[in-house]
């Protein structure tokens, strides 16, 4: 039993070490789509290191227990990387500002009644539904739950025009011209912002396309920030915080990883979950009970000048994604 335990412990060290390598040298994530998808589980490394530590201590004899130091070092390293996953108090606590609701419906109109219920109960000021099919949009119109959101924009998917990104707001919405990706201007508490909905295809559809789509979000945000506009980017990025393309979006993300650079670094975006002290907020997959979602691919990012009061996940029926509800305002 002790021999098996030690073998299993070293196997877990190999798993944790592999995840650590993908974080420390993020360019490796772009080798192929399988590696990029594996990188989505980098946060799970903390479980691998923890289990390895327990097994080394339980199964090791004499000097064999010293192998636990390897697991301790790996666990300490991983913990230093995930400080943003720990909930914390912030300077702007609670539901302050304008509420923004975002959900990836994945072109599926199921559980429409539950979506109407959630929207009615939460009453968000701005609603962004990516992957919103025609049937779902029609049901929302018929239900009247968004009658107080008369200002709307719809951006169809190129390969499936009946589905796309729908934006609903209580205030006038104007499209941003000459933007690499769809973007709108609207007012939130404190002033106007540019809202960039995110609906990025996953790396399983091609690493290059995935990387380019995320970079386009950063290019759009950086351009608007340079023009003096506060920016909010919200939706499904199909990337976790540790993914290289996502780290390029977030101000200082690559510095924490020990590297510098990134084409989109000029956007100076901040993860709303970290800004609001929300901690780790996995959103996918949420439709396989009793298993909880373990991948955090839906995000709200904000530029300088935008404050985040709070952010939380919201379950909507049997949808694969949890929705996000964030409270934002332009700084006073």
Protein backbone atom coordinates (compact mmCIF):
# COMPACT_ATOMS: atom_id res chain seq x y z
CA UNK A 1 0.00 0.00 0.00
CA UNK A 2 2.83 2.39 0.89
CA UNK A 3 4.54 1.74 -2.45
CA UNK A 4 1.31 2.39 -4.35
CA UNK A 5 0.76 5.55 -2.33
CA UNK A 6 4.21 6.86 -3.18
CA UNK A 7 3.78 6.06 -6.87
CA UNK A 8 0.45 7.90 -6.85
CA UNK A 9 2.04 10.82 -5.01
CA UNK A 10 4.79 11.16 -7.62
CA UNK A 11 2.17 10.94 -10.37
CA UNK A 12 0.32 13.85 -8.74
CA UNK A 13 3.60 15.76 -8.54
CA UNK A 14 3.99 15.22 -12.29
CA UNK A 15 0.48 16.58 -12.85
CA UNK A 16 1.08 19.60 -10.64
CA UNK A 17 4.46 20.17 -12.24
CA UNK A 18 2.92 20.05 -15.70
CA UNK A 19 0.35 22.67 -14.79
CA UNK A 20 3.07 24.82 -13.21
CA UNK A 21 5.12 24.62 -16.40
CA UNK A 22 2.15 25.72 -18.50
CA UNK A 23 1.70 28.71 -16.21
CA UNK A 24 5.36 29.69 -16.00
CA UNK A 25 5.97 29.26 -19.73
CA UNK A 26 2.53 30.17 -21.13
CA UNK A 27 3.71 30.06 -24.76
CA UNK A 28 3.54 26.28 -24.41
CA UNK A 29 -0.24 26.60 -24.15
CA UNK A 30 -0.35 27.60 -27.81
CA UNK A 31 1.40 24.46 -29.10
CA UNK A 32 -1.92 22.86 -30.04
CA UNK A 33 -5.56 22.84 -29.05
CA UNK A 34 -5.23 19.92 -26.61
CA UNK A 35 -2.55 21.68 -24.59
CA UNK A 36 -4.61 24.88 -24.59
CA UNK A 37 -7.61 22.97 -23.28
CA UNK A 38 -5.51 21.22 -20.61
CA UNK A 39 -4.26 24.63 -19.47
CA UNK A 40 -7.85 25.49 -18.49
CA UNK A 41 -7.33 23.19 -15.50
CA UNK A 42 -4.17 24.90 -14.17
CA UNK A 43 -6.03 25.94 -10.97
CA UNK A 44 -6.62 22.23 -10.27
CA UNK A 45 -2.88 21.97 -9.70
CA UNK A 46 -3.46 23.05 -6.11
CA UNK A 47 -5.47 19.85 -5.58
CA UNK A 48 -2.72 17.71 -7.11
CA UNK A 49 -0.04 19.25 -4.89
CA UNK A 50 -2.23 18.93 -1.78
CA UNK A 51 -3.03 15.27 -2.39
CA UNK A 52 0.62 14.53 -3.15
CA UNK A 53 1.61 16.10 0.18
CA UNK A 54 -0.89 13.98 2.09
CA UNK A 55 0.22 10.79 0.34
CA UNK A 56 3.93 11.44 0.92
CA UNK A 57 3.29 11.92 4.63
CA UNK A 58 0.93 8.95 4.92
CA UNK A 59 2.73 6.41 2.74
CA UNK A 60 6.34 7.49 3.18
CA UNK A 61 8.65 5.79 5.68
CA UNK A 62 11.66 7.40 7.26
CA UNK A 63 13.57 9.45 4.72
CA UNK A 64 10.80 8.89 2.14
CA UNK A 65 8.72 11.49 3.98
CA UNK A 66 11.20 14.15 2.90
CA UNK A 67 9.67 13.88 -0.57
CA UNK A 68 6.80 15.83 0.95
CA UNK A 69 9.04 18.91 0.67
CA UNK A 70 8.65 18.71 -3.11
CA UNK A 71 4.88 18.87 -2.73
CA UNK A 72 5.17 21.70 -0.20
CA UNK A 73 7.29 23.73 -2.62
CA UNK A 74 4.87 23.11 -5.49
CA UNK A 75 1.89 23.97 -3.32
CA UNK A 76 3.52 27.19 -2.10
CA UNK A 77 4.33 28.19 -5.67
CA UNK A 78 0.77 27.52 -6.83
CA UNK A 79 -0.69 29.46 -3.91
CA UNK A 80 1.48 32.45 -4.80
CA UNK A 81 -0.08 32.46 -8.27
CA UNK A 82 -3.72 32.26 -7.22
CA UNK A 83 -3.90 35.09 -4.71
CA UNK A 84 -6.69 36.63 -6.80
CA UNK A 85 -8.79 33.52 -6.21
CA UNK A 86 -9.15 34.32 -2.52
CA UNK A 87 -12.23 36.43 -1.66
CA UNK A 88 -11.29 39.79 -0.14
CA UNK A 89 -12.83 43.02 1.03
CA UNK A 90 -12.67 45.98 -1.34
CA UNK A 91 -12.98 49.74 -1.16
CA UNK A 92 -16.32 49.70 -3.01
CA UNK A 93 -18.32 46.91 -1.34
CA UNK A 94 -21.82 45.80 -2.21
CA UNK A 95 -24.20 46.47 -5.11
CA UNK A 96 -22.99 49.93 -6.07
CA UNK A 97 -23.56 51.35 -9.54
CA UNK A 98 -25.36 49.92 -12.56
CA UNK A 99 -25.97 46.17 -12.65
CA UNK A 100 -24.70 44.27 -15.69
CA UNK A 101 -25.93 40.75 -16.43
CA UNK A 102 -24.15 38.50 -18.93
CA UNK A 103 -24.92 34.93 -20.01
CA UNK A 104 -23.78 32.64 -22.80
CA UNK A 105 -26.91 30.83 -23.97
CA UNK A 106 -24.89 28.84 -26.57
CA UNK A 107 -27.62 29.33 -29.20
CA UNK A 108 -29.95 27.24 -27.02
CA UNK A 109 -33.42 28.48 -26.12
CA UNK A 110 -34.00 25.99 -23.29
CA UNK A 111 -35.07 27.13 -19.83
CA UNK A 112 -36.43 30.39 -21.20
CA UNK A 113 -38.86 30.63 -18.29
CA UNK A 114 -36.04 30.50 -15.77
CA UNK A 115 -34.13 33.22 -17.59
CA UNK A 116 -37.22 35.43 -17.45
CA UNK A 117 -37.56 34.70 -13.73
CA UNK A 118 -33.91 35.56 -13.02
CA UNK A 119 -34.08 38.79 -15.02
CA UNK A 120 -37.30 39.76 -13.28
CA UNK A 121 -35.87 39.08 -9.82
CA UNK A 122 -32.47 40.70 -10.37
CA UNK A 123 -33.61 43.61 -12.55
CA UNK A 124 -30.24 44.33 -14.19
CA UNK A 125 -29.76 47.68 -15.87
CA UNK A 126 -27.82 46.19 -18.78
CA UNK A 127 -28.27 42.68 -20.19
CA UNK A 128 -25.77 40.98 -22.49
CA UNK A 129 -26.70 37.56 -23.83
CA UNK A 130 -24.16 36.00 -26.16
CA UNK A 131 -25.24 33.03 -28.23
CA UNK A 132 -28.83 34.30 -28.10
CA UNK A 133 -30.98 32.43 -30.66
CA UNK A 134 -34.00 33.97 -32.37
CA UNK A 135 -36.45 31.86 -30.38
CA UNK A 136 -34.98 32.99 -27.07
CA UNK A 137 -35.00 36.64 -28.07
CA UNK A 138 -38.60 36.33 -29.19
CA UNK A 139 -39.61 34.75 -25.89
CA UNK A 140 -37.96 37.55 -23.93
CA UNK A 141 -39.88 40.08 -26.01
CA UNK A 142 -43.19 38.27 -25.48
CA UNK A 143 -42.63 37.89 -21.72
CA UNK A 144 -42.28 41.64 -21.24
CA UNK A 145 -39.48 41.16 -18.70
CA UNK A 146 -37.28 43.55 -20.66
CA UNK A 147 -39.92 46.10 -21.57
CA UNK A 148 -37.98 48.55 -19.43
CA UNK A 149 -34.96 48.01 -21.71
CA UNK A 150 -36.14 49.59 -24.99
CA UNK A 151 -32.63 50.27 -26.29
CA UNK A 152 -31.23 47.20 -27.98
CA UNK A 153 -28.57 45.97 -30.35
CA UNK A 154 -28.12 42.57 -31.97
CA UNK A 155 -24.90 41.33 -33.54
CA UNK A 156 -25.47 38.13 -35.56
CA UNK A 157 -22.89 35.38 -35.84
CA UNK A 158 -21.28 35.25 -39.25
CA UNK A 159 -21.93 31.54 -39.73
CA UNK A 160 -25.34 31.50 -37.97
CA UNK A 161 -27.16 34.83 -38.41
CA UNK A 162 -30.22 33.67 -36.46
CA UNK A 163 -28.03 33.56 -33.33
CA UNK A 164 -25.69 36.15 -31.91
CA UNK A 165 -25.08 38.70 -29.19
CA UNK A 166 -28.04 40.67 -27.85
CA UNK A 167 -27.62 43.82 -25.74
CA UNK A 168 -30.56 45.28 -23.81
CA UNK A 169 -30.36 48.58 -21.88
CA UNK A 170 -32.54 51.12 -20.14
CA UNK A 171 -30.53 53.94 -21.68
CA UNK A 172 -29.71 54.75 -25.32
CA UNK A 173 -27.20 52.43 -26.97
CA UNK A 174 -24.95 53.49 -29.82
CA UNK A 175 -22.68 51.24 -31.86
CA UNK A 176 -18.94 51.91 -32.04
CA UNK A 177 -17.86 52.34 -35.64
CA UNK A 178 -14.71 50.76 -37.06
CA UNK A 179 -14.31 48.39 -34.14
CA UNK A 180 -12.52 45.03 -34.63
CA UNK A 181 -15.34 43.39 -32.64
CA UNK A 182 -18.89 44.51 -31.80
CA UNK A 183 -18.96 47.29 -29.21
CA UNK A 184 -21.55 49.78 -27.98
CA UNK A 185 -21.61 53.03 -26.05
CA UNK A 186 -24.06 53.53 -23.21
CA UNK A 187 -24.30 55.25 -19.85
CA UNK A 188 -23.88 53.62 -16.47
CA UNK A 189 -23.85 55.29 -13.08
CA UNK A 190 -21.22 58.00 -13.15
CA UNK A 191 -20.94 58.42 -16.91
CA UNK A 192 -20.73 56.76 -20.33
CA UNK A 193 -18.69 53.65 -21.11
CA UNK A 194 -17.88 51.45 -24.07
CA UNK A 195 -19.27 47.95 -23.57
CA UNK A 196 -17.56 45.17 -25.51
CA UNK A 197 -19.48 41.87 -25.45
CA UNK A 198 -17.21 38.81 -25.57
CA UNK A 199 -18.16 35.62 -27.39
CA UNK A 200 -14.88 33.88 -28.16
CA UNK A 201 -14.70 30.44 -29.84
CA UNK A 202 -12.84 27.88 -27.77
CA UNK A 203 -9.32 26.64 -28.53
CA UNK A 204 -10.84 23.34 -29.61
CA UNK A 205 -11.92 25.18 -32.77
CA UNK A 206 -8.35 26.28 -33.48
CA UNK A 207 -5.70 27.89 -31.31
CA UNK A 208 -4.88 30.67 -33.78
CA UNK A 209 -8.51 31.77 -34.14
CA UNK A 210 -8.98 31.63 -30.37
CA UNK A 211 -5.88 33.72 -29.75
CA UNK A 212 -6.82 36.24 -32.45
CA UNK A 213 -10.38 36.68 -31.15
CA UNK A 214 -9.16 37.44 -27.64
CA UNK A 215 -6.51 39.79 -29.04
CA UNK A 216 -9.26 41.61 -30.99
CA UNK A 217 -11.08 42.25 -27.72
CA UNK A 218 -7.90 43.77 -26.33
CA UNK A 219 -7.34 45.82 -29.49
CA UNK A 220 -10.86 47.22 -29.25
CA UNK A 221 -10.51 48.00 -25.55
CA UNK A 222 -7.08 49.59 -26.00
CA UNK A 223 -8.35 51.78 -28.84
CA UNK A 224 -11.29 53.03 -26.81
CA UNK A 225 -9.17 53.62 -23.72
CA UNK A 226 -6.70 55.62 -25.83
CA UNK A 227 -9.63 57.70 -27.06
CA UNK A 228 -10.58 58.50 -23.47
CA UNK A 229 -13.46 56.07 -22.98
CA UNK A 230 -13.87 53.87 -19.91
CA UNK A 231 -14.34 50.27 -21.07
CA UNK A 232 -16.20 47.18 -19.84
CA UNK A 233 -15.62 43.83 -21.57
CA UNK A 234 -18.10 41.13 -20.56
CA UNK A 235 -19.06 37.64 -21.69
CA UNK A 236 -17.55 34.29 -22.56
CA UNK A 237 -13.81 34.50 -23.22
CA UNK A 238 -13.38 30.73 -23.40
CA UNK A 239 -10.22 31.29 -21.39
CA UNK A 240 -9.29 31.05 -17.73
CA UNK A 241 -7.13 33.62 -15.95
CA UNK A 242 -4.02 31.51 -16.54
CA UNK A 243 -4.40 31.30 -20.32
CA UNK A 244 -1.79 33.36 -22.16
CA UNK A 245 -4.22 35.25 -24.46
CA UNK A 246 -6.32 36.23 -21.44
CA UNK A 247 -3.27 37.29 -19.43
CA UNK A 248 -2.37 39.67 -22.24
CA UNK A 249 -5.68 41.45 -21.67
CA UNK A 250 -5.22 42.03 -17.98
CA UNK A 251 -2.97 44.74 -16.65
CA UNK A 252 0.08 43.16 -15.01
CA UNK A 253 -1.06 39.61 -15.74
CA UNK A 254 2.16 38.58 -17.45
CA UNK A 255 4.30 40.30 -14.86
CA UNK A 256 2.91 37.97 -12.19
CA UNK A 257 3.71 35.06 -14.49
CA UNK A 258 7.31 36.13 -14.74
CA UNK A 259 7.09 37.34 -18.32
CA UNK A 260 6.57 40.70 -19.97
CA UNK A 261 4.84 41.90 -23.09
CA UNK A 262 1.53 41.30 -24.81
CA UNK A 263 -0.05 43.15 -27.70
CA UNK A 264 -3.12 44.08 -25.69
CA UNK A 265 -1.38 45.27 -22.54
CA UNK A 266 -2.23 48.90 -23.41
CA UNK A 267 -5.88 48.33 -22.54
CA UNK A 268 -4.99 48.20 -18.83
CA UNK A 269 -7.95 45.94 -18.05
CA UNK A 270 -8.70 44.58 -14.59
CA UNK A 271 -10.60 41.42 -13.75
CA UNK A 272 -13.82 42.48 -12.01
CA UNK A 273 -13.78 39.33 -9.86
CA UNK A 274 -10.44 40.40 -8.40
CA UNK A 275 -11.38 44.09 -8.20
CA UNK A 276 -14.53 43.23 -6.25
CA UNK A 277 -12.81 40.60 -4.10
CA UNK A 278 -15.07 37.90 -5.51
CA UNK A 279 -12.37 35.25 -5.57
CA UNK A 280 -12.54 32.22 -7.85
CA UNK A 281 -15.79 32.19 -9.82
CA UNK A 282 -16.02 29.08 -12.03
CA UNK A 283 -18.89 29.25 -14.53
CA UNK A 284 -18.60 26.12 -16.71
CA UNK A 285 -20.02 23.47 -16.94
CA UNK A 286 -23.05 24.11 -14.80
CA UNK A 287 -25.40 21.59 -16.42
CA UNK A 288 -23.95 18.34 -15.04
CA UNK A 289 -25.25 17.97 -11.49
CA UNK A 290 -24.17 16.96 -8.95
CA UNK A 291 -20.81 18.13 -10.31
CA UNK A 292 -20.23 21.87 -9.89
CA UNK A 293 -18.63 24.05 -12.56
CA UNK A 294 -14.83 24.02 -12.28
CA UNK A 295 -13.69 26.24 -15.18
CA UNK A 296 -13.80 30.03 -14.99
CA UNK A 297 -14.22 31.16 -18.60
CA UNK A 298 -16.86 33.87 -18.27
CA UNK A 299 -15.51 37.20 -17.09
CA UNK A 300 -16.16 40.90 -16.69
CA UNK A 301 -13.11 43.12 -17.28
CA UNK A 302 -12.96 46.86 -16.67
CA UNK A 303 -10.51 49.59 -17.60
CA UNK A 304 -9.18 52.31 -15.36
CA UNK A 305 -11.89 54.69 -14.28
CA UNK A 306 -14.50 51.95 -13.87
CA UNK A 307 -15.23 50.75 -10.33
CA UNK A 308 -16.72 47.35 -9.51
CA UNK A 309 -19.07 47.21 -6.52
CA UNK A 310 -19.64 43.45 -6.52
CA UNK A 311 -19.88 40.46 -8.83
CA UNK A 312 -21.56 37.09 -8.46
CA UNK A 313 -22.49 34.01 -10.45
CA UNK A 314 -26.16 33.27 -11.14
CA UNK A 315 -27.58 29.90 -12.16
CA UNK A 316 -30.09 30.04 -15.01
CA UNK A 317 -31.98 26.75 -15.29
CA UNK A 318 -29.95 24.02 -16.97
CA UNK A 319 -27.68 26.27 -19.01
CA UNK A 320 -24.10 25.08 -19.38
CA UNK A 321 -22.80 28.48 -18.26
CA UNK A 322 -23.52 30.32 -15.07
CA UNK A 323 -24.40 33.95 -15.66
CA UNK A 324 -22.46 36.82 -14.13
CA UNK A 325 -24.04 39.81 -12.42
CA UNK A 326 -21.67 42.71 -11.82
CA UNK A 327 -22.25 46.21 -10.44
CA UNK A 328 -20.16 48.86 -12.16
CA UNK A 329 -19.87 52.63 -12.18
CA UNK A 330 -17.56 55.25 -13.62
CA UNK A 331 -15.31 56.50 -10.84
CA UNK A 332 -16.29 59.69 -9.13
